[in-house]
Structure formats: structure tokens, C-alpha cells
């Protein structure tokens, strides 16, 4: 089951979730998954990425973010037991930090609360 989240409400919806997974794929279609800590930035999010994710974004300009559900003891609000899935446009931040790390800037185009099908 999925319930739509307005993109302007996404940062608030995931505010208590400590991390997300960023899924990217290059022009060859091979998927790459990485755990990231997202910081809200304007209409989207900003986070550090590795070389593979950066290469995929340069090729496609798209990623999907998935925030897993909160664990049972942290689950206190509606939808805490749901994952959050957001399709996003993506670009590499031209600024590189002192450690040489690259950062991704993503802007959600759609987002949903999603829970697994129940038996």
C-alpha cells in the first residue's frame, strides 16, 4: 500500500529517520545502492556520495531515496512502520569539501509512504 507525500512535506516526513538508501544506476542499467545521511537543502536534500554514485548521477541525473521504517520501539506516529520512497532529480554539488568528498543535491519529484503487503 502506498500513500502519496507532497514533495514539499518530505523533509518533515523523514525528519526522525536517521538515514536513507540512495539507489542509482548508470547508462548500463546496473543498480548501485548506498546508505546516506540526508540533510535538508532548499527544496531537496544534500549528502555525501562515493565515486560510483557520482558517476551514475552524471550519466542519468536521477536517483531514488528510500528511508526504511522506524523500528518498533521508535515507532510512535502514523506511518512510522512505512518506508518512504522518493524519486528525485540529482546533480553533483560543484563544491568539494577539504577531504575531497563529493556531495549530491537531490530534488524530489514524487514521494510515497509504502508498507509491505500484509498476509
C-alpha atoms as a PDB file:
ATOM      1  CA  UNK A   1       0.000   0.000   0.000  1.00  0.00           C
ATOM      2  CA  UNK A   2       1.282   3.472  -0.851  1.00  0.00           C
ATOM      3  CA  UNK A   3       0.140   6.896   0.328  1.00  0.00           C
ATOM      4  CA  UNK A   4       1.344   9.970  -1.539  1.00  0.00           C
ATOM      5  CA  UNK A   5       3.535  12.530   0.231  1.00  0.00           C
ATOM      6  CA  UNK A   6       3.611  16.040  -1.179  1.00  0.00           C
ATOM      7  CA  UNK A   7       7.237  16.779  -2.085  1.00  0.00           C
ATOM      8  CA  UNK A   8       7.211  19.984  -0.032  1.00  0.00           C
ATOM      9  CA  UNK A   9       6.304  17.865   3.032  1.00  0.00           C
ATOM     10  CA  UNK A  10       9.015  15.251   2.529  1.00  0.00           C
ATOM     11  CA  UNK A  11      11.714  16.765   4.789  1.00  0.00           C
ATOM     12  CA  UNK A  12       9.252  16.852   7.697  1.00  0.00           C
ATOM     13  CA  UNK A  13       8.071  13.305   6.939  1.00  0.00           C
ATOM     14  CA  UNK A  14      11.594  11.857   7.204  1.00  0.00           C
ATOM     15  CA  UNK A  15      12.932  14.193   9.891  1.00  0.00           C
ATOM     16  CA  UNK A  16      13.183  11.475  12.585  1.00  0.00           C
ATOM     17  CA  UNK A  17      14.740   8.860  10.291  1.00  0.00           C
ATOM     18  CA  UNK A  18      18.497   8.627  10.765  1.00  0.00           C
ATOM     19  CA  UNK A  19      19.491   7.562   7.231  1.00  0.00           C
ATOM     20  CA  UNK A  20      18.266   6.669   3.757  1.00  0.00           C
ATOM     21  CA  UNK A  21      19.438   4.473   0.933  1.00  0.00           C
ATOM     22  CA  UNK A  22      20.219   6.158  -2.367  1.00  0.00           C
ATOM     23  CA  UNK A  23      19.671   3.949  -5.412  1.00  0.00           C
ATOM     24  CA  UNK A  24      21.287   4.966  -8.676  1.00  0.00           C
ATOM     25  CA  UNK A  25      22.000   3.327 -11.996  1.00  0.00           C
ATOM     26  CA  UNK A  26      24.314   4.263 -14.807  1.00  0.00           C
ATOM     27  CA  UNK A  27      23.574   4.176 -18.514  1.00  0.00           C
ATOM     28  CA  UNK A  28      24.409   0.438 -18.428  1.00  0.00           C
ATOM     29  CA  UNK A  29      21.411  -0.139 -16.122  1.00  0.00           C
ATOM     30  CA  UNK A  30      23.469  -1.654 -13.298  1.00  0.00           C
ATOM     31  CA  UNK A  31      21.992  -0.616  -9.950  1.00  0.00           C
ATOM     32  CA  UNK A  32      24.078   0.785  -7.100  1.00  0.00           C
ATOM     33  CA  UNK A  33      22.845   1.229  -3.530  1.00  0.00           C
ATOM     34  CA  UNK A  34      24.444   3.254  -0.740  1.00  0.00           C
ATOM     35  CA  UNK A  35      23.382   4.316   2.753  1.00  0.00           C
ATOM     36  CA  UNK A  36      23.482   8.104   3.242  1.00  0.00           C
ATOM     37  CA  UNK A  37      22.646  10.711   5.866  1.00  0.00           C
ATOM     38  CA  UNK A  38      20.472  13.358   4.200  1.00  0.00           C
ATOM     39  CA  UNK A  39      20.465  16.995   5.194  1.00  0.00           C
ATOM     40  CA  UNK A  40      17.540  19.138   4.040  1.00  0.00           C
ATOM     41  CA  UNK A  41      18.665  21.737   1.478  1.00  0.00           C
ATOM     42  CA  UNK A  42      16.202  24.104  -0.146  1.00  0.00           C
ATOM     43  CA  UNK A  43      13.558  22.050  -1.936  1.00  0.00           C
ATOM     44  CA  UNK A  44      15.525  18.828  -1.515  1.00  0.00           C
ATOM     45  CA  UNK A  45      18.423  17.129   0.225  1.00  0.00           C
ATOM     46  CA  UNK A  46      22.225  17.216   0.263  1.00  0.00           C
ATOM     47  CA  UNK A  47      24.503  14.292   1.174  1.00  0.00           C
ATOM     48  CA  UNK A  48      27.979  12.845   0.660  1.00  0.00           C
ATOM     49  CA  UNK A  49      28.436  10.190  -2.036  1.00  0.00           C
ATOM     50  CA  UNK A  50      31.131   7.977  -3.472  1.00  0.00           C
ATOM     51  CA  UNK A  51      32.550   7.776  -6.961  1.00  0.00           C
ATOM     52  CA  UNK A  52      30.093   5.168  -8.324  1.00  0.00           C
ATOM     53  CA  UNK A  53      27.015   7.170  -7.269  1.00  0.00           C
ATOM     54  CA  UNK A  54      28.552  10.369  -8.657  1.00  0.00           C
ATOM     55  CA  UNK A  55      29.315   8.685 -11.993  1.00  0.00           C
ATOM     56  CA  UNK A  56      25.763   7.322 -12.232  1.00  0.00           C
ATOM     57  CA  UNK A  57      24.273  10.751 -11.491  1.00  0.00           C
ATOM     58  CA  UNK A  58      26.462  12.391 -14.121  1.00  0.00           C
ATOM     59  CA  UNK A  59      25.127   9.851 -16.639  1.00  0.00           C
ATOM     60  CA  UNK A  60      21.416   9.876 -15.713  1.00  0.00           C
ATOM     61  CA  UNK A  61      20.598  12.821 -13.423  1.00  0.00           C
ATOM     62  CA  UNK A  62      18.223  10.634 -11.368  1.00  0.00           C
ATOM     63  CA  UNK A  63      18.183   8.698  -8.089  1.00  0.00           C
ATOM     64  CA  UNK A  64      15.652   7.122  -5.758  1.00  0.00           C
ATOM     65  CA  UNK A  65      15.845   7.616  -1.999  1.00  0.00           C
ATOM     66  CA  UNK A  66      14.420   5.023   0.406  1.00  0.00           C
ATOM     67  CA  UNK A  67      14.096   5.701   4.126  1.00  0.00           C
ATOM     68  CA  UNK A  68      13.418   2.433   5.989  1.00  0.00           C
ATOM     69  CA  UNK A  69      10.635   2.217   8.568  1.00  0.00           C
ATOM     70  CA  UNK A  70      11.438   3.126  12.145  1.00  0.00           C
ATOM     71  CA  UNK A  71      11.985   0.184  14.493  1.00  0.00           C
ATOM     72  CA  UNK A  72       9.169  -0.874  16.818  1.00  0.00           C
ATOM     73  CA  UNK A  73      10.430   0.987  19.904  1.00  0.00           C
ATOM     74  CA  UNK A  74      10.903   4.202  17.859  1.00  0.00           C
ATOM     75  CA  UNK A  75       7.544   3.871  16.121  1.00  0.00           C
ATOM     76  CA  UNK A  76       5.208   6.362  17.773  1.00  0.00           C
ATOM     77  CA  UNK A  77       3.462   8.229  14.931  1.00  0.00           C
ATOM     78  CA  UNK A  78       1.294   7.338  11.944  1.00  0.00           C
ATOM     79  CA  UNK A  79       3.313   5.838   9.109  1.00  0.00           C
ATOM     80  CA  UNK A  80       6.400   5.128  11.260  1.00  0.00           C
ATOM     81  CA  UNK A  81       6.023   1.478  10.181  1.00  0.00           C
ATOM     82  CA  UNK A  82       6.178   2.513   6.496  1.00  0.00           C
ATOM     83  CA  UNK A  83       9.190   3.090   4.276  1.00  0.00           C
ATOM     84  CA  UNK A  84       9.426   6.409   2.459  1.00  0.00           C
ATOM     85  CA  UNK A  85      10.318   6.243  -1.235  1.00  0.00           C
ATOM     86  CA  UNK A  86      11.175   9.358  -3.248  1.00  0.00           C
ATOM     87  CA  UNK A  87      12.114   9.646  -6.914  1.00  0.00           C
ATOM     88  CA  UNK A  88      14.470  12.587  -7.436  1.00  0.00           C
ATOM     89  CA  UNK A  89      16.407  14.593  -9.947  1.00  0.00           C
ATOM     90  CA  UNK A  90      20.053  14.728  -8.927  1.00  0.00           C
ATOM     91  CA  UNK A  91      23.246  16.652  -9.570  1.00  0.00           C
ATOM     92  CA  UNK A  92      26.738  16.793  -8.151  1.00  0.00           C
ATOM     93  CA  UNK A  93      27.425  19.811  -5.945  1.00  0.00           C
ATOM     94  CA  UNK A  94      30.302  21.675  -7.631  1.00  0.00           C
ATOM     95  CA  UNK A  95      31.843  22.403  -4.205  1.00  0.00           C
ATOM     96  CA  UNK A  96      34.136  19.710  -2.825  1.00  0.00           C
ATOM     97  CA  UNK A  97      34.991  19.703   0.880  1.00  0.00           C
ATOM     98  CA  UNK A  98      38.503  19.765   2.365  1.00  0.00           C
ATOM     99  CA  UNK A  99      38.603  15.954   2.377  1.00  0.00           C
ATOM    100  CA  UNK A 100      37.844  15.759  -1.352  1.00  0.00           C
ATOM    101  CA  UNK A 101      34.368  14.314  -0.723  1.00  0.00           C
ATOM    102  CA  UNK A 102      31.632  14.843  -3.311  1.00  0.00           C
ATOM    103  CA  UNK A 103      28.078  15.787  -2.424  1.00  0.00           C
ATOM    104  CA  UNK A 104      24.832  15.132  -4.206  1.00  0.00           C
ATOM    105  CA  UNK A 105      21.975  17.612  -4.433  1.00  0.00           C
ATOM    106  CA  UNK A 106      18.591  15.953  -4.994  1.00  0.00           C
ATOM    107  CA  UNK A 107      15.145  17.420  -5.559  1.00  0.00           C
ATOM    108  CA  UNK A 108      12.200  15.038  -5.093  1.00  0.00           C
ATOM    109  CA  UNK A 109       9.738  14.757  -7.976  1.00  0.00           C
ATOM    110  CA  UNK A 110       7.392  12.308  -6.206  1.00  0.00           C
ATOM    111  CA  UNK A 111       7.250  10.527  -2.851  1.00  0.00           C
ATOM    112  CA  UNK A 112       5.137   7.928  -1.034  1.00  0.00           C
ATOM    113  CA  UNK A 113       4.742   6.216   2.317  1.00  0.00           C
ATOM    114  CA  UNK A 114       4.976   2.489   1.496  1.00  0.00           C
ATOM    115  CA  UNK A 115       4.344  -0.571   3.619  1.00  0.00           C
ATOM    116  CA  UNK A 116       4.816  -4.193   2.671  1.00  0.00           C
ATOM    117  CA  UNK A 117       1.738  -6.174   1.726  1.00  0.00           C
ATOM    118  CA  UNK A 118       0.253  -7.927   4.749  1.00  0.00           C
ATOM    119  CA  UNK A 119      -0.572 -11.629   4.735  1.00  0.00           C
END
